Amino acid sequence: MIFVNFKTYDEASGERAVALAKILEQAHTTRIPVISVVQDFDLEAVKNAISTPVWIQHIDGFAPGAHTGSTVA
């Protein structure tokens, strides 16, 4: 499995999270699953936009930036 963590960057949130997930879905040409790991508030939009697996991160009180496995509260 390849996990792509969108972290909490503005560039990977909201509509941009959907766009990034679509790019990852197009790049998925092997038998190795590519899993988008998004913030929880992006889950519904991303899941509805792609057919590849989507996982979510947990919630923390961080500001946007390089925080692995976090969702901005």
PDB file of N, CA and C in Angstrom:
ATOM      1  N   MET A   1       0.835  -1.182   0.000  1.00  0.00           N
ATOM      2  CA  MET A   1       0.000   0.000   0.000  1.00  0.00           C
ATOM      3  C   MET A   1       0.875   1.239   0.000  1.00  0.00           C
ATOM      4  N   ILE A   2       0.399   2.252  -0.703  1.00  0.00           N
ATOM      5  CA  ILE A   2       1.052   3.564  -0.682  1.00  0.00           C
ATOM      6  C   ILE A   2       0.052   4.540  -0.078  1.00  0.00           C
ATOM      7  N   PHE A   3       0.443   5.161   1.023  1.00  0.00           N
ATOM      8  CA  PHE A   3      -0.410   6.135   1.695  1.00  0.00           C
ATOM      9  C   PHE A   3       0.089   7.531   1.368  1.00  0.00           C
ATOM     10  N   VAL A   4      -0.810   8.395   0.910  1.00  0.00           N
ATOM     11  CA  VAL A   4      -0.462   9.788   0.644  1.00  0.00           C
ATOM     12  C   VAL A   4      -1.216  10.633   1.661  1.00  0.00           C
ATOM     13  N   ASN A   5      -0.452  11.145   2.632  1.00  0.00           N
ATOM     14  CA  ASN A   5      -1.019  11.933   3.714  1.00  0.00           C
ATOM     15  C   ASN A   5      -1.132  13.384   3.273  1.00  0.00           C
ATOM     16  N   PHE A   6      -2.344  13.892   3.216  1.00  0.00           N
ATOM     17  CA  PHE A   6      -2.578  15.268   2.770  1.00  0.00           C
ATOM     18  C   PHE A   6      -2.176  16.281   3.835  1.00  0.00           C
ATOM     19  N   LYS A   7      -1.849  15.808   5.035  1.00  0.00           N
ATOM     20  CA  LYS A   7      -1.468  16.660   6.162  1.00  0.00           C
ATOM     21  C   LYS A   7      -2.518  17.749   6.376  1.00  0.00           C
ATOM     22  N   THR A   8      -2.125  18.919   6.833  1.00  0.00           N
ATOM     23  CA  THR A   8      -3.103  19.985   7.085  1.00  0.00           C
ATOM     24  C   THR A   8      -2.831  21.217   6.233  1.00  0.00           C
ATOM     25  N   TYR A   9      -2.149  21.020   5.129  1.00  0.00           N
ATOM     26  CA  TYR A   9      -1.849  22.145   4.249  1.00  0.00           C
ATOM     27  C   TYR A   9      -3.119  22.667   3.575  1.00  0.00           C
ATOM     28  N   ASP A  10      -3.197  23.983   3.406  1.00  0.00           N
ATOM     29  CA  ASP A  10      -4.315  24.574   2.663  1.00  0.00           C
ATOM     30  C   ASP A  10      -4.368  24.018   1.248  1.00  0.00           C
ATOM     31  N   GLU A  11      -3.196  23.711   0.677  1.00  0.00           N
ATOM     32  CA  GLU A  11      -3.118  23.211  -0.704  1.00  0.00           C
ATOM     33  C   GLU A  11      -3.702  21.809  -0.850  1.00  0.00           C
ATOM     34  N   ALA A  12      -3.998  21.141   0.241  1.00  0.00           N
ATOM     35  CA  ALA A  12      -4.539  19.787   0.189  1.00  0.00           C
ATOM     36  C   ALA A  12      -5.827  19.677   1.000  1.00  0.00           C
ATOM     37  N   SER A  13      -6.565  20.781   1.068  1.00  0.00           N
ATOM     38  CA  SER A  13      -7.822  20.820   1.810  1.00  0.00           C
ATOM     39  C   SER A  13      -8.943  21.308   0.906  1.00  0.00           C
ATOM     40  N   GLY A  14     -10.162  20.924   1.237  1.00  0.00           N
ATOM     41  CA  GLY A  14     -11.330  21.374   0.486  1.00  0.00           C
ATOM     42  C   GLY A  14     -11.310  20.890  -0.954  1.00  0.00           C
ATOM     43  N   GLU A  15     -11.606  21.780  -1.880  1.00  0.00           N
ATOM     44  CA  GLU A  15     -11.630  21.423  -3.308  1.00  0.00           C
ATOM     45  C   GLU A  15     -10.272  20.924  -3.785  1.00  0.00           C
ATOM     46  N   ARG A  16      -9.216  21.430  -3.194  1.00  0.00           N
ATOM     47  CA  ARG A  16      -7.870  20.989  -3.581  1.00  0.00           C
ATOM     48  C   ARG A  16      -7.608  19.547  -3.135  1.00  0.00           C
ATOM     49  N   ALA A  17      -8.232  19.130  -2.047  1.00  0.00           N
ATOM     50  CA  ALA A  17      -8.113  17.731  -1.613  1.00  0.00           C
ATOM     51  C   ALA A  17      -8.757  16.814  -2.648  1.00  0.00           C
ATOM     52  N   VAL A  18      -9.900  17.217  -3.161  1.00  0.00           N
ATOM     53  CA  VAL A  18     -10.582  16.435  -4.207  1.00  0.00           C
ATOM     54  C   VAL A  18      -9.710  16.365  -5.446  1.00  0.00           C
ATOM     55  N   ALA A  19      -9.157  17.488  -5.862  1.00  0.00           N
ATOM     56  CA  ALA A  19      -8.309  17.511  -7.061  1.00  0.00           C
ATOM     57  C   ALA A  19      -7.077  16.617  -6.883  1.00  0.00           C
ATOM     58  N   LEU A  20      -6.446  16.678  -5.716  1.00  0.00           N
ATOM     59  CA  LEU A  20      -5.272  15.854  -5.460  1.00  0.00           C
ATOM     60  C   LEU A  20      -5.636  14.373  -5.447  1.00  0.00           C
ATOM     61  N   ALA A  21      -6.750  14.033  -4.834  1.00  0.00           N
ATOM     62  CA  ALA A  21      -7.192  12.637  -4.795  1.00  0.00           C
ATOM     63  C   ALA A  21      -7.471  12.110  -6.200  1.00  0.00           C
ATOM     64  N   LYS A  22      -8.020  12.947  -7.068  1.00  0.00           N
ATOM     65  CA  LYS A  22      -8.263  12.533  -8.453  1.00  0.00           C
ATOM     66  C   LYS A  22      -6.954  12.266  -9.190  1.00  0.00           C
ATOM     67  N   ILE A  23      -5.947  13.081  -8.932  1.00  0.00           N
ATOM     68  CA  ILE A  23      -4.624  12.855  -9.537  1.00  0.00           C
ATOM     69  C   ILE A  23      -4.056  11.526  -9.061  1.00  0.00           C
ATOM     70  N   LEU A  24      -4.171  11.262  -7.760  1.00  0.00           N
ATOM     71  CA  LEU A  24      -3.667   9.997  -7.217  1.00  0.00           C
ATOM     72  C   LEU A  24      -4.430   8.806  -7.797  1.00  0.00           C
ATOM     73  N   GLU A  25      -5.715   8.968  -7.989  1.00  0.00           N
ATOM     74  CA  GLU A  25      -6.513   7.890  -8.587  1.00  0.00           C
ATOM     75  C   GLU A  25      -6.040   7.606 -10.010  1.00  0.00           C
ATOM     76  N   GLN A  26      -5.738   8.631 -10.779  1.00  0.00           N
ATOM     77  CA  GLN A  26      -5.240   8.452 -12.145  1.00  0.00           C
ATOM     78  C   GLN A  26      -3.867   7.797 -12.145  1.00  0.00           C
ATOM     79  N   ALA A  27      -3.067   8.074 -11.118  1.00  0.00           N
ATOM     80  CA  ALA A  27      -1.729   7.496 -11.031  1.00  0.00           C
ATOM     81  C   ALA A  27      -1.762   6.034 -10.601  1.00  0.00           C
ATOM     82  N   HIS A  28      -2.885   5.584 -10.123  1.00  0.00           N
ATOM     83  CA  HIS A  28      -3.034   4.216  -9.631  1.00  0.00           C
ATOM     84  C   HIS A  28      -3.164   3.265 -10.822  1.00  0.00           C
ATOM     85  N   THR A  29      -2.019   2.806 -11.318  1.00  0.00           N
ATOM     86  CA  THR A  29      -2.022   1.920 -12.484  1.00  0.00           C
ATOM     87  C   THR A  29      -1.428   0.560 -12.171  1.00  0.00           C
ATOM     88  N   THR A  30      -1.075   0.322 -10.921  1.00  0.00           N
ATOM     89  CA  THR A  30      -0.486  -0.947 -10.527  1.00  0.00           C
ATOM     90  C   THR A  30      -1.433  -1.692  -9.597  1.00  0.00           C
ATOM     91  N   ARG A  31      -1.000  -2.840  -9.179  1.00  0.00           N
ATOM     92  CA  ARG A  31      -1.798  -3.616  -8.235  1.00  0.00           C
ATOM     93  C   ARG A  31      -1.577  -3.156  -6.801  1.00  0.00           C
ATOM     94  N   ILE A  32      -0.718  -2.163  -6.604  1.00  0.00           N
ATOM     95  CA  ILE A  32      -0.462  -1.622  -5.272  1.00  0.00           C
ATOM     96  C   ILE A  32      -1.477  -0.518  -4.991  1.00  0.00           C
ATOM     97  N   PRO A  33      -2.298  -0.666  -3.949  1.00  0.00           N
ATOM     98  CA  PRO A  33      -3.295   0.370  -3.644  1.00  0.00           C
ATOM     99  C   PRO A  33      -2.651   1.699  -3.269  1.00  0.00           C
ATOM    100  N   VAL A  34      -3.204   2.793  -3.789  1.00  0.00           N
ATOM    101  CA  VAL A  34      -2.802   4.143  -3.417  1.00  0.00           C
ATOM    102  C   VAL A  34      -3.941   4.710  -2.590  1.00  0.00           C
ATOM    103  N   ILE A  35      -3.654   5.042  -1.340  1.00  0.00           N
ATOM    104  CA  ILE A  35      -4.698   5.471  -0.412  1.00  0.00           C
ATOM    105  C   ILE A  35      -4.499   6.933  -0.051  1.00  0.00           C
ATOM    106  N   SER A  36      -5.521   7.736  -0.326  1.00  0.00           N
ATOM    107  CA  SER A  36      -5.523   9.145   0.071  1.00  0.00           C
ATOM    108  C   SER A  36      -5.888   9.206   1.551  1.00  0.00           C
ATOM    109  N   VAL A  37      -5.076   9.927   2.339  1.00  0.00           N
ATOM    110  CA  VAL A  37      -5.352  10.098   3.768  1.00  0.00           C
ATOM    111  C   VAL A  37      -5.657  11.576   3.980  1.00  0.00           C
ATOM    112  N   VAL A  38      -6.954  11.881   4.158  1.00  0.00           N
ATOM    113  CA  VAL A  38      -7.428  13.263   4.162  1.00  0.00           C
ATOM    114  C   VAL A  38      -7.894  13.679   5.553  1.00  0.00           C
ATOM    115  N   GLN A  39      -8.121  14.970   5.721  1.00  0.00           N
ATOM    116  CA  GLN A  39      -8.737  15.461   6.944  1.00  0.00           C
ATOM    117  C   GLN A  39     -10.201  15.016   6.954  1.00  0.00           C
ATOM    118  N   ASP A  40     -10.765  14.822   8.131  1.00  0.00           N
ATOM    119  CA  ASP A  40     -12.109  14.254   8.215  1.00  0.00           C
ATOM    120  C   ASP A  40     -13.164  15.096   7.506  1.00  0.00           C
ATOM    121  N   PHE A  41     -13.023  16.404   7.508  1.00  0.00           N
ATOM    122  CA  PHE A  41     -14.038  17.228   6.855  1.00  0.00           C
ATOM    123  C   PHE A  41     -13.966  17.158   5.332  1.00  0.00           C
ATOM    124  N   ASP A  42     -12.907  16.579   4.785  1.00  0.00           N
ATOM    125  CA  ASP A  42     -12.800  16.383   3.333  1.00  0.00           C
ATOM    126  C   ASP A  42     -13.243  14.988   2.904  1.00  0.00           C
ATOM    127  N   LEU A  43     -13.528  14.107   3.852  1.00  0.00           N
ATOM    128  CA  LEU A  43     -13.819  12.707   3.539  1.00  0.00           C
ATOM    129  C   LEU A  43     -14.971  12.539   2.563  1.00  0.00           C
ATOM    130  N   GLU A  44     -16.104  13.127   2.840  1.00  0.00           N
ATOM    131  CA  GLU A  44     -17.284  12.916   1.992  1.00  0.00           C
ATOM    132  C   GLU A  44     -17.042  13.365   0.554  1.00  0.00           C
ATOM    133  N   ALA A  45     -16.503  14.546   0.374  1.00  0.00           N
ATOM    134  CA  ALA A  45     -16.272  15.066  -0.975  1.00  0.00           C
ATOM    135  C   ALA A  45     -15.262  14.220  -1.735  1.00  0.00           C
ATOM    136  N   VAL A  46     -14.177  13.826  -1.061  1.00  0.00           N
ATOM    137  CA  VAL A  46     -13.151  13.015  -1.726  1.00  0.00           C
ATOM    138  C   VAL A  46     -13.699  11.633  -2.041  1.00  0.00           C
ATOM    139  N   LYS A  47     -14.364  11.004  -1.081  1.00  0.00           N
ATOM    140  CA  LYS A  47     -14.908   9.656  -1.287  1.00  0.00           C
ATOM    141  C   LYS A  47     -15.923   9.639  -2.427  1.00  0.00           C
ATOM    142  N   ASN A  48     -16.712  10.694  -2.554  1.00  0.00           N
ATOM    143  CA  ASN A  48     -17.704  10.771  -3.637  1.00  0.00           C
ATOM    144  C   ASN A  48     -17.065  11.037  -4.998  1.00  0.00           C
ATOM    145  N   ALA A  49     -15.834  11.541  -5.004  1.00  0.00           N
ATOM    146  CA  ALA A  49     -15.173  11.930  -6.255  1.00  0.00           C
ATOM    147  C   ALA A  49     -14.293  10.830  -6.851  1.00  0.00           C
ATOM    148  N   ILE A  50     -13.875   9.857  -6.023  1.00  0.00           N
ATOM    149  CA  ILE A  50     -12.947   8.827  -6.505  1.00  0.00           C
ATOM    150  C   ILE A  50     -13.430   7.442  -6.101  1.00  0.00           C
ATOM    151  N   SER A  51     -12.840   6.426  -6.736  1.00  0.00           N
ATOM    152  CA  SER A  51     -13.219   5.045  -6.402  1.00  0.00           C
ATOM    153  C   SER A  51     -12.131   4.303  -5.639  1.00  0.00           C
ATOM    154  N   THR A  52     -10.967   4.910  -5.460  1.00  0.00           N
ATOM    155  CA  THR A  52      -9.887   4.287  -4.707  1.00  0.00           C
ATOM    156  C   THR A  52     -10.093   4.522  -3.208  1.00  0.00           C
ATOM    157  N   PRO A  53      -9.409   3.760  -2.349  1.00  0.00           N
ATOM    158  CA  PRO A  53      -9.613   3.896  -0.901  1.00  0.00           C
ATOM    159  C   PRO A  53      -9.268   5.292  -0.379  1.00  0.00           C
ATOM    160  N   VAL A  54     -10.000   5.699   0.654  1.00  0.00           N
ATOM    161  CA  VAL A  54      -9.761   6.975   1.335  1.00  0.00           C
ATOM    162  C   VAL A  54      -9.777   6.698   2.832  1.00  0.00           C
ATOM    163  N   TRP A  55      -8.761   7.160   3.529  1.00  0.00           N
ATOM    164  CA  TRP A  55      -8.697   7.070   4.990  1.00  0.00           C
ATOM    165  C   TRP A  55      -8.716   8.488   5.544  1.00  0.00           C
ATOM    166  N   ILE A  56      -8.989   8.604   6.856  1.00  0.00           N
ATOM    167  CA  ILE A  56      -8.997   9.928   7.483  1.00  0.00           C
ATOM    168  C   ILE A  56      -7.977   9.982   8.618  1.00  0.00           C
ATOM    169  N   GLN A  57      -7.661  11.216   9.000  1.00  0.00           N
ATOM    170  CA  GLN A  57      -6.719  11.488  10.075  1.00  0.00           C
ATOM    171  C   GLN A  57      -7.492  11.775  11.360  1.00  0.00           C
ATOM    172  N   HIS A  58      -6.805  11.872  12.470  1.00  0.00           N
ATOM    173  CA  HIS A  58      -7.445  12.226  13.736  1.00  0.00           C
ATOM    174  C   HIS A  58      -7.409  13.741  13.925  1.00  0.00           C
ATOM    175  N   ILE A  59      -8.155  14.259  14.888  1.00  0.00           N
ATOM    176  CA  ILE A  59      -8.258  15.709  15.102  1.00  0.00           C
ATOM    177  C   ILE A  59      -7.278  16.168  16.177  1.00  0.00           C
ATOM    178  N   ASP A  60      -6.567  17.261  15.870  1.00  0.00           N
ATOM    179  CA  ASP A  60      -5.651  17.906  16.807  1.00  0.00           C
ATOM    180  C   ASP A  60      -5.849  19.409  16.725  1.00  0.00           C
ATOM    181  N   GLY A  61      -5.345  20.119  17.690  1.00  0.00           N
ATOM    182  CA  GLY A  61      -5.483  21.566  17.744  1.00  0.00           C
ATOM    183  C   GLY A  61      -4.345  22.303  17.067  1.00  0.00           C
ATOM    184  N   PHE A  62      -3.870  21.823  15.933  1.00  0.00           N
ATOM    185  CA  PHE A  62      -2.779  22.461  15.208  1.00  0.00           C
ATOM    186  C   PHE A  62      -3.278  23.495  14.224  1.00  0.00           C
ATOM    187  N   ALA A  63      -2.418  24.441  13.876  1.00  0.00           N
ATOM    188  CA  ALA A  63      -2.683  25.360  12.775  1.00  0.00           C
ATOM    189  C   ALA A  63      -2.299  24.635  11.482  1.00  0.00           C
ATOM    190  N   PRO A  64      -2.764  25.107  10.314  1.00  0.00           N
ATOM    191  CA  PRO A  64      -2.386  24.468   9.056  1.00  0.00           C
ATOM    192  C   PRO A  64      -0.867  24.375   8.905  1.00  0.00           C
ATOM    193  N   GLY A  65      -0.404  23.272   8.306  1.00  0.00           N
ATOM    194  CA  GLY A  65       1.027  23.094   8.109  1.00  0.00           C
ATOM    195  C   GLY A  65       1.443  21.637   8.045  1.00  0.00           C
ATOM    196  N   ALA A  66       2.665  21.365   8.429  1.00  0.00           N
ATOM    197  CA  ALA A  66       3.275  20.038   8.276  1.00  0.00           C
ATOM    198  C   ALA A  66       3.018  19.152   9.473  1.00  0.00           C
ATOM    199  N   HIS A  67       1.793  18.841   9.733  1.00  0.00           N
ATOM    200  CA  HIS A  67       1.436  17.999  10.875  1.00  0.00           C
ATOM    201  C   HIS A  67       0.919  16.667  10.338  1.00  0.00           C
ATOM    202  N   THR A  68       1.669  15.622  10.537  1.00  0.00           N
ATOM    203  CA  THR A  68       1.309  14.310  10.024  1.00  0.00           C
ATOM    204  C   THR A  68       0.192  13.690  10.860  1.00  0.00           C
ATOM    205  N   GLY A  69      -0.780  13.125  10.167  1.00  0.00           N
ATOM    206  CA  GLY A  69      -1.862  12.420  10.849  1.00  0.00           C
ATOM    207  C   GLY A  69      -2.785  13.305  11.635  1.00  0.00           C
ATOM    208  N   SER A  70      -2.934  14.533  11.244  1.00  0.00           N
ATOM    209  CA  SER A  70      -3.741  15.474  12.007  1.00  0.00           C
ATOM    210  C   SER A  70      -4.821  16.121  11.162  1.00  0.00           C
ATOM    211  N   THR A  71      -5.835  16.569  11.829  1.00  0.00           N
ATOM    212  CA  THR A  71      -6.890  17.362  11.225  1.00  0.00           C
ATOM    213  C   THR A  71      -6.983  18.645  12.022  1.00  0.00           C
ATOM    214  N   VAL A  72      -7.032  19.781  11.354  1.00  0.00           N
ATOM    215  CA  VAL A  72      -7.155  21.051  12.056  1.00  0.00           C
ATOM    216  C   VAL A  72      -8.545  21.138  12.678  1.00  0.00           C
ATOM    217  N   ALA A  73      -8.600  21.406  13.970  1.00  0.00           N
ATOM    218  CA  ALA A  73      -9.883  21.435  14.683  1.00  0.00           C
ATOM    219  C   ALA A  73     -10.741  22.610  14.294  1.00  0.00           C
TER     220      ALA A  73
END
